[in-house]
Amino acid sequence: MKKRKRTPFFVSRREQKLQQQRSRTTANTLQNLDEL
């Protein structure tokens, strides 16, 4: 039970990190486009 509860937590954290990276990359691309 504990392991089952832990796995989703880590997965969600990993997803959050991926989302943050994606948001950062998108923001950078938007900034670059604005500069161009």
C-alpha atoms as a PDB file:
ATOM      1  CA  MET A   1       0.000   0.000   0.000  1.00  0.00           C
ATOM      2  CA  LYS A   2       2.747   2.462   0.893  1.00  0.00           C
ATOM      3  CA  LYS A   3       4.647   1.795  -2.320  1.00  0.00           C
ATOM      4  CA  ARG A   4       1.491   2.241  -4.381  1.00  0.00           C
ATOM      5  CA  LYS A   5       0.886   5.556  -2.646  1.00  0.00           C
ATOM      6  CA  ARG A   6       4.455   6.692  -3.208  1.00  0.00           C
ATOM      7  CA  THR A   7       4.710   5.957  -6.927  1.00  0.00           C
ATOM      8  CA  PRO A   8       1.968   8.408  -8.049  1.00  0.00           C
ATOM      9  CA  PHE A   9       3.498  11.138  -5.898  1.00  0.00           C
ATOM     10  CA  PHE A  10       6.879  10.794  -7.587  1.00  0.00           C
ATOM     11  CA  VAL A  11       5.225  10.553 -10.988  1.00  0.00           C
ATOM     12  CA  SER A  12       3.261  13.727 -10.341  1.00  0.00           C
ATOM     13  CA  ARG A  13       6.436  15.500  -9.216  1.00  0.00           C
ATOM     14  CA  ARG A  14       8.216  14.346 -12.365  1.00  0.00           C
ATOM     15  CA  GLU A  15       5.313  15.584 -14.465  1.00  0.00           C
ATOM     16  CA  GLN A  16       5.440  18.929 -12.669  1.00  0.00           C
ATOM     17  CA  LYS A  17       9.154  19.230 -13.422  1.00  0.00           C
ATOM     18  CA  LEU A  18       8.529  18.382 -17.078  1.00  0.00           C
ATOM     19  CA  GLN A  19       5.745  20.970 -17.225  1.00  0.00           C
ATOM     20  CA  GLN A  20       8.046  23.587 -15.687  1.00  0.00           C
ATOM     21  CA  GLN A  21      10.738  22.811 -18.262  1.00  0.00           C
ATOM     22  CA  ARG A  22       8.183  23.021 -21.068  1.00  0.00           C
ATOM     23  CA  SER A  23       6.809  26.327 -19.773  1.00  0.00           C
ATOM     24  CA  ARG A  24      10.354  27.722 -19.517  1.00  0.00           C
ATOM     25  CA  THR A  25      11.224  26.635 -23.058  1.00  0.00           C
ATOM     26  CA  THR A  26       7.964  28.066 -24.424  1.00  0.00           C
ATOM     27  CA  ALA A  27       8.596  31.346 -22.572  1.00  0.00           C
ATOM     28  CA  ASN A  28      12.128  31.514 -23.992  1.00  0.00           C
ATOM     29  CA  THR A  29      10.874  30.852 -27.523  1.00  0.00           C
ATOM     30  CA  LEU A  30       8.203  33.554 -27.127  1.00  0.00           C
ATOM     31  CA  GLN A  31      10.825  36.019 -25.881  1.00  0.00           C
ATOM     32  CA  ASN A  32      13.078  35.173 -28.827  1.00  0.00           C
ATOM     33  CA  LEU A  33      10.202  35.688 -31.248  1.00  0.00           C
ATOM     34  CA  ASP A  34       9.420  39.043 -29.616  1.00  0.00           C
ATOM     35  CA  GLU A  35      13.090  40.047 -29.934  1.00  0.00           C
ATOM     36  CA  LEU A  36      13.087  39.071 -33.611  1.00  0.00           C
END
